[in-house]
Amino acid sequence: MRTRREKLALPASIIVTVLAYGILGFVLFRERPATIYSENVARFVDLLPHAIAVLNALALVLLVAGWRFVRNGNFTLHRISMLSALVLISLFLVMYVTKVYLSGIKEFPGPETLYYFVYLPVLIIHLTLSIICIQPVAYVALIGLSHRIDDIPRTKHRLVGRVVVPMWILSLTLGLIVYAMLNREY
């Protein structure tokens, strides 16, 4: 039987997802500043893609570690790893929205063939997985945060986590590939 807290996790995760989509949509479709007003802000914006990649890489390591911890029965380290990855991804989202607002979306600088046959498919899969993962990741995280470790096996945490974590890992991996392709000199 589902607990009251587990029942609340679903609507709460939907609210979190709608808010995240709303903020991202607002930033993507809002008119950006014509210029970045200070040299310090311009330097900050130039560093954001690299900082975002570092956050993604750290989150990826934490997700894989968390997956291994739960496989080995170490639920405490699993919880710490997964929540740490969630914090890093939340920070990533703030930084990504800031970057997009201040400087827009970077165009692929490489050859057209590479763009159509490698970059674009990788980007599409990455973005699709990123969009799909927000709600189930929020759901699993809310269950993990609102339940004692002993109570979690009686929830859908394990079932949803088994599906969403590999998707999240793949999304982060593809995001790092997109970063590398965007920041390579051709």
N, C-alpha and C. Protein backbone atom coordinates (compact mmCIF):
# COMPACT_ATOMS: atom_id res chain seq x y z
N MET A 1 0.84 -1.19 0.00
CA MET A 1 0.00 0.00 0.00
C MET A 1 0.88 1.25 0.00
N ARG A 2 0.51 2.20 -0.80
CA ARG A 2 1.29 3.43 -0.89
C ARG A 2 1.05 4.31 0.33
N THR A 3 2.12 4.91 0.81
CA THR A 3 2.01 5.79 1.96
C THR A 3 1.55 7.18 1.50
N ARG A 4 1.10 7.96 2.45
CA ARG A 4 0.66 9.33 2.14
C ARG A 4 1.82 10.15 1.57
N ARG A 5 3.00 9.98 2.13
CA ARG A 5 4.17 10.72 1.64
C ARG A 5 4.51 10.31 0.22
N GLU A 6 4.38 9.03 -0.10
CA GLU A 6 4.66 8.59 -1.46
C GLU A 6 3.62 9.17 -2.42
N LYS A 7 2.36 9.23 -2.00
CA LYS A 7 1.32 9.81 -2.85
C LYS A 7 1.58 11.29 -3.10
N LEU A 8 2.13 11.99 -2.13
CA LEU A 8 2.44 13.42 -2.29
C LEU A 8 3.65 13.64 -3.19
N ALA A 9 4.53 12.63 -3.29
CA ALA A 9 5.74 12.78 -4.10
C ALA A 9 5.41 12.99 -5.58
N LEU A 10 4.38 12.33 -6.07
CA LEU A 10 4.03 12.47 -7.48
C LEU A 10 3.55 13.89 -7.83
N PRO A 11 2.54 14.44 -7.13
CA PRO A 11 2.16 15.81 -7.49
C PRO A 11 3.28 16.82 -7.22
N ALA A 12 4.04 16.62 -6.16
CA ALA A 12 5.15 17.54 -5.88
C ALA A 12 6.20 17.48 -6.98
N SER A 13 6.47 16.28 -7.49
CA SER A 13 7.47 16.17 -8.57
C SER A 13 6.94 16.79 -9.86
N ILE A 14 5.64 16.72 -10.08
CA ILE A 14 5.05 17.37 -11.26
C ILE A 14 5.14 18.88 -11.13
N ILE A 15 4.90 19.40 -9.93
CA ILE A 15 5.02 20.85 -9.70
C ILE A 15 6.45 21.31 -9.93
N VAL A 16 7.42 20.58 -9.40
CA VAL A 16 8.83 20.91 -9.61
C VAL A 16 9.16 20.91 -11.10
N THR A 17 8.67 19.92 -11.83
CA THR A 17 8.93 19.81 -13.26
C THR A 17 8.33 20.98 -14.02
N VAL A 18 7.08 21.32 -13.72
CA VAL A 18 6.42 22.45 -14.41
C VAL A 18 7.17 23.75 -14.12
N LEU A 19 7.59 23.93 -12.87
CA LEU A 19 8.37 25.14 -12.53
C LEU A 19 9.69 25.18 -13.31
N ALA A 20 10.38 24.05 -13.38
CA ALA A 20 11.66 24.01 -14.11
C ALA A 20 11.44 24.30 -15.58
N TYR A 21 10.43 23.68 -16.19
CA TYR A 21 10.12 23.94 -17.61
C TYR A 21 9.71 25.40 -17.81
N GLY A 22 8.93 25.92 -16.88
CA GLY A 22 8.47 27.31 -16.99
C GLY A 22 9.63 28.30 -16.95
N ILE A 23 10.53 28.10 -16.01
CA ILE A 23 11.69 29.00 -15.90
C ILE A 23 12.56 28.89 -17.15
N LEU A 24 12.83 27.68 -17.58
CA LEU A 24 13.65 27.49 -18.78
C LEU A 24 12.97 28.10 -20.01
N GLY A 25 11.68 27.88 -20.16
CA GLY A 25 10.95 28.46 -21.29
C GLY A 25 10.96 29.97 -21.25
N PHE A 26 10.78 30.54 -20.06
CA PHE A 26 10.81 31.98 -19.90
C PHE A 26 12.15 32.55 -20.36
N VAL A 27 13.23 31.90 -19.95
CA VAL A 27 14.57 32.38 -20.30
C VAL A 27 14.85 32.18 -21.79
N LEU A 28 14.46 31.04 -22.33
CA LEU A 28 14.74 30.76 -23.74
C LEU A 28 14.00 31.71 -24.68
N PHE A 29 12.79 32.09 -24.31
CA PHE A 29 11.97 32.90 -25.21
C PHE A 29 11.94 34.38 -24.84
N ARG A 30 12.68 34.76 -23.84
CA ARG A 30 12.75 36.15 -23.42
C ARG A 30 13.86 36.84 -24.20
N GLU A 31 13.68 38.11 -24.43
CA GLU A 31 14.71 38.87 -25.13
C GLU A 31 15.93 39.01 -24.21
N ARG A 32 17.09 38.68 -24.76
CA ARG A 32 18.32 38.75 -23.98
C ARG A 32 18.87 40.17 -24.01
N PRO A 33 19.70 40.51 -23.02
CA PRO A 33 20.33 41.83 -23.04
C PRO A 33 21.16 42.00 -24.31
N ALA A 34 21.15 43.20 -24.87
CA ALA A 34 21.89 43.46 -26.10
C ALA A 34 23.39 43.31 -25.89
N THR A 35 23.86 43.72 -24.76
CA THR A 35 25.29 43.59 -24.44
C THR A 35 25.45 43.17 -22.99
N ILE A 36 26.58 42.58 -22.73
CA ILE A 36 26.93 42.27 -21.35
C ILE A 36 27.68 43.49 -20.84
N TYR A 37 27.20 44.05 -19.77
CA TYR A 37 27.61 45.39 -19.38
C TYR A 37 29.00 45.53 -18.80
N SER A 38 29.54 44.52 -18.20
CA SER A 38 30.88 44.67 -17.63
C SER A 38 31.80 43.57 -18.12
N GLU A 39 33.07 43.88 -18.05
CA GLU A 39 34.07 42.89 -18.46
C GLU A 39 34.05 41.67 -17.53
N ASN A 40 33.79 41.90 -16.25
CA ASN A 40 33.73 40.79 -15.29
C ASN A 40 32.56 39.85 -15.60
N VAL A 41 31.42 40.41 -15.96
CA VAL A 41 30.27 39.58 -16.32
C VAL A 41 30.59 38.79 -17.59
N ALA A 42 31.24 39.44 -18.55
CA ALA A 42 31.61 38.75 -19.80
C ALA A 42 32.55 37.58 -19.50
N ARG A 43 33.52 37.77 -18.62
CA ARG A 43 34.44 36.68 -18.25
C ARG A 43 33.69 35.55 -17.54
N PHE A 44 32.76 35.94 -16.67
CA PHE A 44 31.94 34.96 -15.96
C PHE A 44 31.15 34.11 -16.96
N VAL A 45 30.54 34.77 -17.93
CA VAL A 45 29.74 34.07 -18.94
C VAL A 45 30.63 33.14 -19.77
N ASP A 46 31.85 33.57 -20.08
CA ASP A 46 32.77 32.73 -20.84
C ASP A 46 33.18 31.48 -20.06
N LEU A 47 33.21 31.58 -18.74
CA LEU A 47 33.59 30.43 -17.91
C LEU A 47 32.44 29.46 -17.64
N LEU A 48 31.21 29.94 -17.80
CA LEU A 48 30.06 29.11 -17.47
C LEU A 48 30.02 27.76 -18.19
N PRO A 49 30.25 27.68 -19.51
CA PRO A 49 30.20 26.36 -20.15
C PRO A 49 31.17 25.36 -19.53
N HIS A 50 32.34 25.83 -19.15
CA HIS A 50 33.35 24.95 -18.57
C HIS A 50 32.93 24.51 -17.16
N ALA A 51 32.40 25.45 -16.39
CA ALA A 51 31.92 25.12 -15.04
C ALA A 51 30.74 24.15 -15.11
N ILE A 52 29.86 24.36 -16.09
CA ILE A 52 28.72 23.47 -16.29
C ILE A 52 29.21 22.06 -16.63
N ALA A 53 30.22 21.95 -17.47
CA ALA A 53 30.76 20.63 -17.83
C ALA A 53 31.36 19.94 -16.61
N VAL A 54 32.05 20.69 -15.77
CA VAL A 54 32.62 20.12 -14.55
C VAL A 54 31.50 19.60 -13.63
N LEU A 55 30.45 20.40 -13.47
CA LEU A 55 29.31 19.96 -12.65
C LEU A 55 28.68 18.68 -13.21
N ASN A 56 28.51 18.64 -14.54
CA ASN A 56 27.94 17.45 -15.17
C ASN A 56 28.83 16.23 -14.94
N ALA A 57 30.13 16.41 -15.09
CA ALA A 57 31.06 15.29 -14.90
C ALA A 57 31.02 14.79 -13.45
N LEU A 58 31.00 15.72 -12.50
CA LEU A 58 30.93 15.33 -11.09
C LEU A 58 29.60 14.63 -10.79
N ALA A 59 28.51 15.15 -11.34
CA ALA A 59 27.20 14.51 -11.13
C ALA A 59 27.19 13.11 -11.73
N LEU A 60 27.80 12.97 -12.88
CA LEU A 60 27.89 11.65 -13.52
C LEU A 60 28.65 10.66 -12.63
N VAL A 61 29.77 11.09 -12.09
CA VAL A 61 30.55 10.23 -11.19
C VAL A 61 29.72 9.85 -9.96
N LEU A 62 29.01 10.83 -9.40
CA LEU A 62 28.18 10.56 -8.22
C LEU A 62 27.03 9.61 -8.54
N LEU A 63 26.42 9.76 -9.71
CA LEU A 63 25.33 8.84 -10.10
C LEU A 63 25.82 7.41 -10.23
N VAL A 64 26.96 7.25 -10.90
CA VAL A 64 27.51 5.90 -11.06
C VAL A 64 27.90 5.33 -9.70
N ALA A 65 28.51 6.17 -8.86
CA ALA A 65 28.88 5.71 -7.51
C ALA A 65 27.63 5.33 -6.73
N GLY A 66 26.59 6.15 -6.80
CA GLY A 66 25.34 5.86 -6.09
C GLY A 66 24.70 4.57 -6.56
N TRP A 67 24.75 4.35 -7.86
CA TRP A 67 24.21 3.11 -8.43
C TRP A 67 25.00 1.91 -7.89
N ARG A 68 26.32 2.03 -7.84
CA ARG A 68 27.15 0.94 -7.31
C ARG A 68 26.91 0.73 -5.81
N PHE A 69 26.76 1.84 -5.08
CA PHE A 69 26.52 1.72 -3.64
C PHE A 69 25.24 0.95 -3.36
N VAL A 70 24.17 1.26 -4.08
CA VAL A 70 22.91 0.57 -3.83
C VAL A 70 23.01 -0.90 -4.24
N ARG A 71 23.75 -1.19 -5.29
CA ARG A 71 23.95 -2.58 -5.73
C ARG A 71 24.70 -3.38 -4.66
N ASN A 72 25.58 -2.69 -3.92
CA ASN A 72 26.36 -3.35 -2.86
C ASN A 72 25.67 -3.27 -1.50
N GLY A 73 24.45 -2.72 -1.47
CA GLY A 73 23.70 -2.67 -0.22
C GLY A 73 24.07 -1.53 0.71
N ASN A 74 24.85 -0.58 0.25
CA ASN A 74 25.23 0.55 1.09
C ASN A 74 24.26 1.71 0.81
N PHE A 75 23.11 1.66 1.50
CA PHE A 75 22.03 2.60 1.22
C PHE A 75 22.34 4.02 1.70
N THR A 76 23.12 4.14 2.76
CA THR A 76 23.48 5.47 3.25
C THR A 76 24.35 6.20 2.24
N LEU A 77 25.39 5.54 1.73
CA LEU A 77 26.24 6.19 0.71
C LEU A 77 25.48 6.39 -0.60
N HIS A 78 24.56 5.49 -0.92
CA HIS A 78 23.71 5.66 -2.10
C HIS A 78 22.91 6.95 -1.97
N ARG A 79 22.29 7.15 -0.83
CA ARG A 79 21.48 8.35 -0.59
C ARG A 79 22.34 9.60 -0.70
N ILE A 80 23.50 9.58 -0.09
CA ILE A 80 24.40 10.75 -0.13
C ILE A 80 24.83 11.04 -1.56
N SER A 81 25.21 10.01 -2.29
CA SER A 81 25.67 10.20 -3.68
C SER A 81 24.56 10.75 -4.56
N MET A 82 23.39 10.17 -4.47
CA MET A 82 22.29 10.58 -5.34
C MET A 82 21.82 11.99 -5.01
N LEU A 83 21.73 12.31 -3.73
CA LEU A 83 21.32 13.67 -3.37
C LEU A 83 22.38 14.69 -3.75
N SER A 84 23.64 14.31 -3.64
CA SER A 84 24.72 15.20 -4.07
C SER A 84 24.65 15.44 -5.58
N ALA A 85 24.37 14.38 -6.34
CA ALA A 85 24.21 14.53 -7.79
C ALA A 85 23.04 15.45 -8.10
N LEU A 86 21.96 15.32 -7.35
CA LEU A 86 20.79 16.17 -7.55
C LEU A 86 21.11 17.63 -7.26
N VAL A 87 21.87 17.89 -6.21
CA VAL A 87 22.28 19.26 -5.89
C VAL A 87 23.13 19.83 -7.03
N LEU A 88 24.08 19.03 -7.52
CA LEU A 88 24.93 19.49 -8.62
C LEU A 88 24.12 19.77 -9.88
N ILE A 89 23.15 18.93 -10.18
CA ILE A 89 22.32 19.14 -11.37
C ILE A 89 21.43 20.37 -11.18
N SER A 90 20.96 20.60 -9.97
CA SER A 90 20.18 21.82 -9.70
C SER A 90 21.05 23.06 -9.91
N LEU A 91 22.27 23.01 -9.43
CA LEU A 91 23.21 24.11 -9.65
C LEU A 91 23.51 24.26 -11.14
N PHE A 92 23.66 23.13 -11.84
CA PHE A 92 23.85 23.16 -13.28
C PHE A 92 22.70 23.91 -13.96
N LEU A 93 21.47 23.59 -13.58
CA LEU A 93 20.31 24.23 -14.21
C LEU A 93 20.33 25.74 -14.00
N VAL A 94 20.68 26.18 -12.81
CA VAL A 94 20.78 27.61 -12.54
C VAL A 94 21.85 28.24 -13.42
N MET A 95 22.99 27.59 -13.51
CA MET A 95 24.09 28.12 -14.32
C MET A 95 23.74 28.09 -15.82
N TYR A 96 23.08 27.04 -16.26
CA TYR A 96 22.72 26.93 -17.67
C TYR A 96 21.70 28.01 -18.05
N VAL A 97 20.70 28.20 -17.21
CA VAL A 97 19.70 29.24 -17.48
C VAL A 97 20.37 30.61 -17.50
N THR A 98 21.29 30.85 -16.58
CA THR A 98 22.03 32.12 -16.56
C THR A 98 22.82 32.30 -17.84
N LYS A 99 23.51 31.25 -18.27
CA LYS A 99 24.31 31.33 -19.50
C LYS A 99 23.44 31.61 -20.72
N VAL A 100 22.34 30.89 -20.83
CA VAL A 100 21.45 31.08 -21.98
C VAL A 100 20.86 32.48 -21.96
N TYR A 101 20.49 32.96 -20.79
CA TYR A 101 19.90 34.30 -20.70
C TYR A 101 20.91 35.37 -21.11
N LEU A 102 22.14 35.23 -20.63
CA LEU A 102 23.14 36.27 -20.89
C LEU A 102 23.80 36.17 -22.26
N SER A 103 23.94 34.95 -22.79
CA SER A 103 24.70 34.85 -24.04
C SER A 103 24.03 34.04 -25.14
N GLY A 104 22.88 33.47 -24.86
CA GLY A 104 22.20 32.69 -25.89
C GLY A 104 22.78 31.29 -26.00
N ILE A 105 22.39 30.61 -27.07
CA ILE A 105 22.82 29.24 -27.30
C ILE A 105 23.93 29.25 -28.34
N LYS A 106 25.01 28.57 -28.03
CA LYS A 106 26.17 28.55 -28.92
C LYS A 106 25.89 27.67 -30.14
N GLU A 107 26.27 28.16 -31.29
CA GLU A 107 26.13 27.39 -32.54
C GLU A 107 27.29 26.41 -32.67
N PHE A 108 27.02 25.28 -33.31
CA PHE A 108 28.05 24.29 -33.54
C PHE A 108 29.08 24.84 -34.53
N PRO A 109 30.37 24.84 -34.16
CA PRO A 109 31.38 25.47 -35.01
C PRO A 109 32.04 24.54 -36.04
N GLY A 110 31.65 23.29 -36.06
CA GLY A 110 32.34 22.31 -36.90
C GLY A 110 31.76 22.15 -38.28
N PRO A 111 32.28 21.17 -39.01
CA PRO A 111 31.82 20.90 -40.37
C PRO A 111 30.35 20.46 -40.41
N GLU A 112 29.70 20.78 -41.51
CA GLU A 112 28.28 20.48 -41.68
C GLU A 112 27.98 18.99 -41.57
N THR A 113 28.82 18.15 -42.15
CA THR A 113 28.60 16.71 -42.09
C THR A 113 28.61 16.22 -40.64
N LEU A 114 29.58 16.67 -39.87
CA LEU A 114 29.66 16.31 -38.46
C LEU A 114 28.44 16.83 -37.71
N TYR A 115 27.99 18.01 -38.07
CA TYR A 115 26.82 18.61 -37.43
C TYR A 115 25.58 17.72 -37.62
N TYR A 116 25.32 17.31 -38.85
CA TYR A 116 24.10 16.56 -39.15
C TYR A 116 24.15 15.09 -38.72
N PHE A 117 25.33 14.48 -38.78
CA PHE A 117 25.40 13.04 -38.53
C PHE A 117 25.92 12.65 -37.14
N VAL A 118 26.49 13.60 -36.42
CA VAL A 118 26.98 13.28 -35.08
C VAL A 118 26.40 14.25 -34.05
N TYR A 119 26.71 15.53 -34.21
CA TYR A 119 26.33 16.52 -33.20
C TYR A 119 24.81 16.57 -32.99
N LEU A 120 24.06 16.75 -34.07
CA LEU A 120 22.61 16.90 -33.95
C LEU A 120 21.94 15.67 -33.34
N PRO A 121 22.26 14.43 -33.77
CA PRO A 121 21.65 13.26 -33.10
C PRO A 121 22.01 13.17 -31.61
N VAL A 122 23.26 13.45 -31.28
CA VAL A 122 23.68 13.41 -29.87
C VAL A 122 22.92 14.47 -29.08
N LEU A 123 22.82 15.68 -29.64
CA LEU A 123 22.12 16.76 -28.96
C LEU A 123 20.63 16.43 -28.77
N ILE A 124 20.00 15.90 -29.79
CA ILE A 124 18.57 15.57 -29.71
C ILE A 124 18.32 14.51 -28.64
N ILE A 125 19.14 13.48 -28.62
CA ILE A 125 18.97 12.42 -27.60
C ILE A 125 19.23 12.99 -26.21
N HIS A 126 20.28 13.80 -26.07
CA HIS A 126 20.60 14.42 -24.79
C HIS A 126 19.44 15.28 -24.29
N LEU A 127 18.92 16.15 -25.15
CA LEU A 127 17.83 17.04 -24.75
C LEU A 127 16.56 16.26 -24.43
N THR A 128 16.25 15.26 -25.23
CA THR A 128 15.06 14.44 -24.99
C THR A 128 15.16 13.74 -23.64
N LEU A 129 16.29 13.13 -23.37
CA LEU A 129 16.47 12.45 -22.07
C LEU A 129 16.43 13.45 -20.92
N SER A 130 17.03 14.62 -21.12
CA SER A 130 17.01 15.65 -20.08
C SER A 130 15.59 16.06 -19.74
N ILE A 131 14.78 16.25 -20.77
CA ILE A 131 13.39 16.65 -20.56
C ILE A 131 12.60 15.54 -19.88
N ILE A 132 12.79 14.32 -20.34
CA ILE A 132 12.06 13.18 -19.79
C ILE A 132 12.46 12.91 -18.34
N CYS A 133 13.72 13.12 -18.00
CA CYS A 133 14.23 12.72 -16.68
C CYS A 133 13.81 13.64 -15.53
N ILE A 134 13.47 14.88 -15.80
CA ILE A 134 13.24 15.83 -14.70
C ILE A 134 12.17 15.32 -13.72
N GLN A 135 11.02 14.94 -14.21
CA GLN A 135 9.93 14.55 -13.31
C GLN A 135 10.24 13.25 -12.55
N PRO A 136 10.68 12.17 -13.22
CA PRO A 136 10.95 10.97 -12.42
C PRO A 136 12.13 11.13 -11.47
N VAL A 137 13.13 11.93 -11.83
CA VAL A 137 14.24 12.18 -10.91
C VAL A 137 13.71 12.93 -9.68
N ALA A 138 12.87 13.93 -9.90
CA ALA A 138 12.29 14.66 -8.77
C ALA A 138 11.44 13.72 -7.91
N TYR A 139 10.68 12.85 -8.55
CA TYR A 139 9.83 11.89 -7.83
C TYR A 139 10.67 10.97 -6.95
N VAL A 140 11.70 10.36 -7.53
CA VAL A 140 12.56 9.44 -6.78
C VAL A 140 13.28 10.19 -5.65
N ALA A 141 13.73 11.40 -5.94
CA ALA A 141 14.42 12.19 -4.91
C ALA A 141 13.47 12.54 -3.76
N LEU A 142 12.25 12.91 -4.09
CA LEU A 142 11.30 13.25 -3.03
C LEU A 142 10.98 12.04 -2.16
N ILE A 143 10.86 10.87 -2.78
CA ILE A 143 10.65 9.66 -1.98
C ILE A 143 11.88 9.41 -1.10
N GLY A 144 13.07 9.54 -1.69
CA GLY A 144 14.30 9.33 -0.93
C GLY A 144 14.45 10.30 0.23
N LEU A 145 13.98 11.53 0.03
CA LEU A 145 14.09 12.54 1.09
C LEU A 145 13.01 12.41 2.16
N SER A 146 11.85 11.92 1.77
CA SER A 146 10.71 11.91 2.69
C SER A 146 10.51 10.59 3.43
N HIS A 147 11.29 9.58 3.09
CA HIS A 147 11.12 8.27 3.72
C HIS A 147 12.40 7.83 4.43
N ARG A 148 12.20 7.06 5.46
CA ARG A 148 13.36 6.42 6.10
C ARG A 148 13.86 5.34 5.15
N ILE A 149 15.13 5.03 5.25
CA ILE A 149 15.73 4.02 4.37
C ILE A 149 14.98 2.69 4.46
N ASP A 150 14.54 2.31 5.66
CA ASP A 150 13.82 1.04 5.83
C ASP A 150 12.46 1.03 5.13
N ASP A 151 11.87 2.21 4.91
CA ASP A 151 10.54 2.29 4.30
C ASP A 151 10.59 2.37 2.78
N ILE A 152 11.71 2.73 2.22
CA ILE A 152 11.81 2.94 0.77
C ILE A 152 11.49 1.69 -0.05
N PRO A 153 11.88 0.48 0.38
CA PRO A 153 11.52 -0.70 -0.44
C PRO A 153 10.02 -0.90 -0.64
N ARG A 154 9.19 -0.28 0.18
CA ARG A 154 7.75 -0.40 0.03
C ARG A 154 7.16 0.69 -0.88
N THR A 155 8.04 1.45 -1.53
CA THR A 155 7.60 2.51 -2.44
C THR A 155 8.00 2.15 -3.87
N LYS A 156 7.71 3.02 -4.80
CA LYS A 156 8.10 2.81 -6.20
C LYS A 156 9.49 3.39 -6.50
N HIS A 157 10.19 3.79 -5.47
CA HIS A 157 11.52 4.39 -5.61
C HIS A 157 12.45 3.49 -6.42
N ARG A 158 12.51 2.26 -6.05
CA ARG A 158 13.42 1.31 -6.71
C ARG A 158 13.03 1.09 -8.17
N LEU A 159 11.76 0.90 -8.43
CA LEU A 159 11.27 0.65 -9.79
C LEU A 159 11.55 1.85 -10.71
N VAL A 160 11.19 3.02 -10.25
CA VAL A 160 11.41 4.23 -11.07
C VAL A 160 12.90 4.51 -11.18
N GLY A 161 13.63 4.35 -10.10
CA GLY A 161 15.08 4.61 -10.11
C GLY A 161 15.82 3.72 -11.09
N ARG A 162 15.40 2.47 -11.20
CA ARG A 162 16.06 1.55 -12.15
C ARG A 162 15.90 2.00 -13.59
N VAL A 163 14.84 2.72 -13.88
CA VAL A 163 14.61 3.20 -15.24
C VAL A 163 15.28 4.56 -15.45
N VAL A 164 15.11 5.47 -14.49
CA VAL A 164 15.53 6.85 -14.70
C VAL A 164 17.04 7.06 -14.53
N VAL A 165 17.69 6.32 -13.66
CA VAL A 165 19.13 6.55 -13.44
C VAL A 165 19.95 6.23 -14.70
N PRO A 166 19.72 5.12 -15.39
CA PRO A 166 20.47 4.91 -16.64
C PRO A 166 20.19 6.00 -17.69
N MET A 167 18.94 6.48 -17.73
CA MET A 167 18.61 7.56 -18.66
C MET A 167 19.36 8.84 -18.28
N TRP A 168 19.42 9.11 -16.99
CA TRP A 168 20.09 10.30 -16.49
C TRP A 168 21.60 10.20 -16.75
N ILE A 169 22.17 9.03 -16.53
CA ILE A 169 23.59 8.82 -16.80
C ILE A 169 23.89 9.03 -18.28
N LEU A 170 23.05 8.47 -19.15
CA LEU A 170 23.25 8.66 -20.59
C LEU A 170 23.10 10.13 -20.98
N SER A 171 22.12 10.80 -20.42
CA SER A 171 21.92 12.23 -20.72
C SER A 171 23.15 13.05 -20.33
N LEU A 172 23.68 12.81 -19.14
CA LEU A 172 24.88 13.54 -18.70
C LEU A 172 26.08 13.23 -19.58
N THR A 173 26.24 11.97 -19.95
CA THR A 173 27.34 11.58 -20.82
C THR A 173 27.23 12.28 -22.17
N LEU A 174 26.04 12.27 -22.74
CA LEU A 174 25.83 12.94 -24.03
C LEU A 174 26.00 14.46 -23.89
N GLY A 175 25.60 15.02 -22.76
CA GLY A 175 25.82 16.45 -22.51
C GLY A 175 27.30 16.80 -22.53
N LEU A 176 28.12 15.93 -21.98
CA LEU A 176 29.57 16.16 -22.00
C LEU A 176 30.13 16.05 -23.42
N ILE A 177 29.56 15.15 -24.21
CA ILE A 177 29.98 15.05 -25.62
C ILE A 177 29.59 16.31 -26.37
N VAL A 178 28.38 16.82 -26.13
CA VAL A 178 27.93 18.08 -26.76
C VAL A 178 28.88 19.21 -26.37
N TYR A 179 29.21 19.30 -25.08
CA TYR A 179 30.15 20.32 -24.62
C TYR A 179 31.48 20.22 -25.36
N ALA A 180 32.01 19.01 -25.45
CA ALA A 180 33.31 18.82 -26.12
C ALA A 180 33.22 19.22 -27.60
N MET A 181 32.13 18.89 -28.24
CA MET A 181 31.99 19.23 -29.66
C MET A 181 31.81 20.73 -29.86
N LEU A 182 31.12 21.39 -28.95
CA LEU A 182 30.92 22.83 -29.08
C LEU A 182 32.18 23.63 -28.79
N ASN A 183 33.06 23.07 -27.98
CA ASN A 183 34.24 23.82 -27.55
C ASN A 183 35.51 23.33 -28.19
N ARG A 184 35.40 22.56 -29.23
CA ARG A 184 36.56 22.09 -29.98
C ARG A 184 36.83 23.06 -31.13
N GLU A 185 38.09 23.26 -31.37
CA GLU A 185 38.48 24.10 -32.51
C GLU A 185 38.54 23.25 -33.76
N TYR A 186 37.80 23.61 -34.77
CA TYR A 186 37.79 22.84 -36.02
C TYR A 186 38.59 23.57 -37.07
